[in-house]
Amino acid sequence: MNSKEKGRRGEDFAALYLSRKGYEIISRNFRSKWGEIDIIAGREDTLTFFEIKYWGSYSYENLEYAINKRKQSRIVRTAKYFLYKNPGYYSKRKIFDVIYLNENTGKLRHIAEAFSGEE
């Protein structure tokens, strides 16, 4: 399985998890010139931008390196672009979560409000 297929599989697992938790999936793989947001989902009055990490060889502790300040800034800029293109979501509370899935154990970890929307 190549990395693109692996990423899609992780996103599929995460989307299923989120649906079961009451989230409405609004967009997957939303792209801008700054980057990509894996999943954008809504629940009640909140719009959540999700970064999905589906790893086997890296551990949970490696997230701080994989989602560093530069990566966070790219996600935040892409989120702002999403809101520009979809102004109906602007009034919602906006948060940035990370979902880490271990492909070897199947363990899923949802890190709510993993980082702020400030650049």
C-alpha atoms as a PDB file:
ATOM      1  CA  MET A   1       0.000   0.000   0.000  1.00  0.00           C
ATOM      2  CA  ASN A   2       1.497   3.344  -1.003  1.00  0.00           C
ATOM      3  CA  SER A   3       1.419   6.400   1.270  1.00  0.00           C
ATOM      4  CA  LYS A   4      -1.557   7.975  -0.524  1.00  0.00           C
ATOM      5  CA  GLU A   5      -3.646   4.799  -0.110  1.00  0.00           C
ATOM      6  CA  LYS A   6      -2.527   4.544   3.499  1.00  0.00           C
ATOM      7  CA  GLY A   7      -3.555   8.153   4.165  1.00  0.00           C
ATOM      8  CA  ARG A   8      -6.946   7.573   2.564  1.00  0.00           C
ATOM      9  CA  ARG A   9      -7.462   4.498   4.732  1.00  0.00           C
ATOM     10  CA  GLY A  10      -6.637   6.444   7.889  1.00  0.00           C
ATOM     11  CA  GLU A  11      -9.013   9.224   6.858  1.00  0.00           C
ATOM     12  CA  ASP A  12     -11.754   6.664   6.180  1.00  0.00           C
ATOM     13  CA  PHE A  13     -11.335   5.229   9.699  1.00  0.00           C
ATOM     14  CA  ALA A  14     -11.341   8.728  11.189  1.00  0.00           C
ATOM     15  CA  ALA A  15     -14.449   9.763   9.222  1.00  0.00           C
ATOM     16  CA  LEU A  16     -16.301   6.672  10.465  1.00  0.00           C
ATOM     17  CA  TYR A  17     -15.247   7.430  14.045  1.00  0.00           C
ATOM     18  CA  LEU A  18     -16.383  11.055  13.714  1.00  0.00           C
ATOM     19  CA  SER A  19     -19.732  10.087  12.199  1.00  0.00           C
ATOM     20  CA  ARG A  20     -20.340   7.752  15.125  1.00  0.00           C
ATOM     21  CA  LYS A  21     -19.524  10.627  17.501  1.00  0.00           C
ATOM     22  CA  GLY A  22     -22.197  12.822  15.908  1.00  0.00           C
ATOM     23  CA  TYR A  23     -20.069  14.908  13.557  1.00  0.00           C
ATOM     24  CA  GLU A  24     -21.286  15.817  10.098  1.00  0.00           C
ATOM     25  CA  ILE A  25     -18.455  15.475   7.583  1.00  0.00           C
ATOM     26  CA  ILE A  26     -18.461  18.683   5.547  1.00  0.00           C
ATOM     27  CA  SER A  27     -15.310  18.229   3.483  1.00  0.00           C
ATOM     28  CA  ARG A  28     -12.401  15.862   3.045  1.00  0.00           C
ATOM     29  CA  ASN A  29      -8.997  16.789   1.669  1.00  0.00           C
ATOM     30  CA  PHE A  30      -9.804  20.485   1.335  1.00  0.00           C
ATOM     31  CA  ARG A  31      -6.889  22.106  -0.475  1.00  0.00           C
ATOM     32  CA  SER A  32      -5.516  25.596  -0.795  1.00  0.00           C
ATOM     33  CA  LYS A  33      -2.210  27.001  -1.988  1.00  0.00           C
ATOM     34  CA  TRP A  34      -1.009  26.757   1.633  1.00  0.00           C
ATOM     35  CA  GLY A  35      -1.857  23.134   2.245  1.00  0.00           C
ATOM     36  CA  GLU A  36      -4.602  20.650   2.964  1.00  0.00           C
ATOM     37  CA  ILE A  37      -7.042  19.885   5.741  1.00  0.00           C
ATOM     38  CA  ASP A  38      -7.819  16.178   5.985  1.00  0.00           C
ATOM     39  CA  ILE A  39     -11.354  16.453   7.358  1.00  0.00           C
ATOM     40  CA  ILE A  40     -13.637  19.377   8.130  1.00  0.00           C
ATOM     41  CA  ALA A  41     -16.637  18.438  10.256  1.00  0.00           C
ATOM     42  CA  GLY A  42     -19.419  20.157  12.146  1.00  0.00           C
ATOM     43  CA  ARG A  43     -21.212  19.315  15.343  1.00  0.00           C
ATOM     44  CA  GLU A  44     -23.703  21.626  17.064  1.00  0.00           C
ATOM     45  CA  ASP A  45     -22.245  25.152  16.942  1.00  0.00           C
ATOM     46  CA  THR A  46     -18.645  24.063  16.275  1.00  0.00           C
ATOM     47  CA  LEU A  47     -16.650  23.648  13.087  1.00  0.00           C
ATOM     48  CA  THR A  48     -13.636  21.382  13.547  1.00  0.00           C
ATOM     49  CA  PHE A  49     -10.623  21.118  11.278  1.00  0.00           C
ATOM     50  CA  PHE A  50      -8.993  17.701  11.648  1.00  0.00           C
ATOM     51  CA  GLU A  51      -5.435  16.635  10.926  1.00  0.00           C
ATOM     52  CA  ILE A  52      -5.266  12.842  10.630  1.00  0.00           C
ATOM     53  CA  LYS A  53      -2.096  10.858  11.302  1.00  0.00           C
ATOM     54  CA  TYR A  54      -2.215   7.143  10.454  1.00  0.00           C
ATOM     55  CA  TRP A  55       1.111   5.643  11.445  1.00  0.00           C
ATOM     56  CA  GLY A  56       2.596   2.288  12.191  1.00  0.00           C
ATOM     57  CA  SER A  57       6.269   3.088  12.571  1.00  0.00           C
ATOM     58  CA  TYR A  58       5.903   6.347  14.510  1.00  0.00           C
ATOM     59  CA  SER A  59       4.456   6.762  17.957  1.00  0.00           C
ATOM     60  CA  TYR A  60       2.043   9.239  19.480  1.00  0.00           C
ATOM     61  CA  GLU A  61       5.011  11.132  20.910  1.00  0.00           C
ATOM     62  CA  ASN A  62       6.163  12.011  17.368  1.00  0.00           C
ATOM     63  CA  LEU A  63       3.078  14.178  16.759  1.00  0.00           C
ATOM     64  CA  GLU A  64       4.693  17.325  18.112  1.00  0.00           C
ATOM     65  CA  TYR A  65       7.329  17.054  15.366  1.00  0.00           C
ATOM     66  CA  ALA A  66       4.888  16.117  12.608  1.00  0.00           C
ATOM     67  CA  ILE A  67       2.450  18.902  13.472  1.00  0.00           C
ATOM     68  CA  ASN A  68       4.940  21.644  14.217  1.00  0.00           C
ATOM     69  CA  LYS A  69       4.246  25.391  14.153  1.00  0.00           C
ATOM     70  CA  ARG A  70       4.836  25.569  10.390  1.00  0.00           C
ATOM     71  CA  LYS A  71       2.320  22.781   9.721  1.00  0.00           C
ATOM     72  CA  GLN A  72      -0.169  24.393  12.116  1.00  0.00           C
ATOM     73  CA  SER A  73       0.169  27.719  10.302  1.00  0.00           C
ATOM     74  CA  ARG A  74      -0.530  26.026   6.953  1.00  0.00           C
ATOM     75  CA  ILE A  75      -3.645  24.355   8.375  1.00  0.00           C
ATOM     76  CA  VAL A  76      -4.896  27.627   9.895  1.00  0.00           C
ATOM     77  CA  ARG A  77      -4.394  29.496   6.614  1.00  0.00           C
ATOM     78  CA  THR A  78      -6.230  26.770   4.738  1.00  0.00           C
ATOM     79  CA  ALA A  79      -9.057  26.935   7.313  1.00  0.00           C
ATOM     80  CA  LYS A  80      -9.338  30.690   6.756  1.00  0.00           C
ATOM     81  CA  TYR A  81      -9.529  30.061   3.017  1.00  0.00           C
ATOM     82  CA  PHE A  82     -12.274  27.463   3.585  1.00  0.00           C
ATOM     83  CA  LEU A  83     -14.244  30.068   5.559  1.00  0.00           C
ATOM     84  CA  TYR A  84     -13.717  32.631   2.817  1.00  0.00           C
ATOM     85  CA  LYS A  85     -15.130  30.161   0.277  1.00  0.00           C
ATOM     86  CA  ASN A  86     -17.912  29.013   2.650  1.00  0.00           C
ATOM     87  CA  PRO A  87     -18.989  32.090   4.674  1.00  0.00           C
ATOM     88  CA  GLY A  88     -22.033  30.313   6.092  1.00  0.00           C
ATOM     89  CA  TYR A  89     -19.735  28.580   8.593  1.00  0.00           C
ATOM     90  CA  TYR A  90     -18.038  31.767   9.768  1.00  0.00           C
ATOM     91  CA  SER A  91     -20.230  32.288  12.847  1.00  0.00           C
ATOM     92  CA  LYS A  92     -19.453  28.827  14.241  1.00  0.00           C
ATOM     93  CA  ARG A  93     -16.829  28.227  16.900  1.00  0.00           C
ATOM     94  CA  LYS A  94     -13.686  26.965  15.175  1.00  0.00           C
ATOM     95  CA  ILE A  95     -11.259  24.430  16.623  1.00  0.00           C
ATOM     96  CA  PHE A  96      -8.334  22.348  15.415  1.00  0.00           C
ATOM     97  CA  ASP A  97      -8.151  18.686  16.439  1.00  0.00           C
ATOM     98  CA  VAL A  98      -5.771  15.852  15.656  1.00  0.00           C
ATOM     99  CA  ILE A  99      -6.675  12.202  15.288  1.00  0.00           C
ATOM    100  CA  TYR A 100      -3.832   9.734  15.644  1.00  0.00           C
ATOM    101  CA  LEU A 101      -4.404   6.150  14.532  1.00  0.00           C
ATOM    102  CA  ASN A 102      -1.858   3.400  15.041  1.00  0.00           C
ATOM    103  CA  GLU A 103      -2.128   1.087  12.038  1.00  0.00           C
ATOM    104  CA  ASN A 104      -0.484  -1.808  13.922  1.00  0.00           C
ATOM    105  CA  THR A 105      -2.700  -1.775  17.015  1.00  0.00           C
ATOM    106  CA  GLY A 106      -5.824  -0.091  15.631  1.00  0.00           C
ATOM    107  CA  LYS A 107      -5.760   2.311  18.582  1.00  0.00           C
ATOM    108  CA  LEU A 108      -7.285   5.723  17.915  1.00  0.00           C
ATOM    109  CA  ARG A 109      -6.512   8.850  19.895  1.00  0.00           C
ATOM    110  CA  HIS A 110      -8.571  12.035  19.421  1.00  0.00           C
ATOM    111  CA  ILE A 111      -6.758  15.135  20.635  1.00  0.00           C
ATOM    112  CA  ALA A 112      -9.366  17.864  21.015  1.00  0.00           C
ATOM    113  CA  GLU A 113      -8.240  21.458  20.524  1.00  0.00           C
ATOM    114  CA  ALA A 114      -4.705  20.278  19.737  1.00  0.00           C
ATOM    115  CA  PHE A 115      -3.632  23.765  18.695  1.00  0.00           C
ATOM    116  CA  SER A 116      -5.110  27.232  18.387  1.00  0.00           C
ATOM    117  CA  GLY A 117      -6.243  29.027  15.290  1.00  0.00           C
ATOM    118  CA  GLU A 118      -3.710  31.789  15.892  1.00  0.00           C
ATOM    119  CA  GLU A 119      -0.805  32.128  13.492  1.00  0.00           C
END
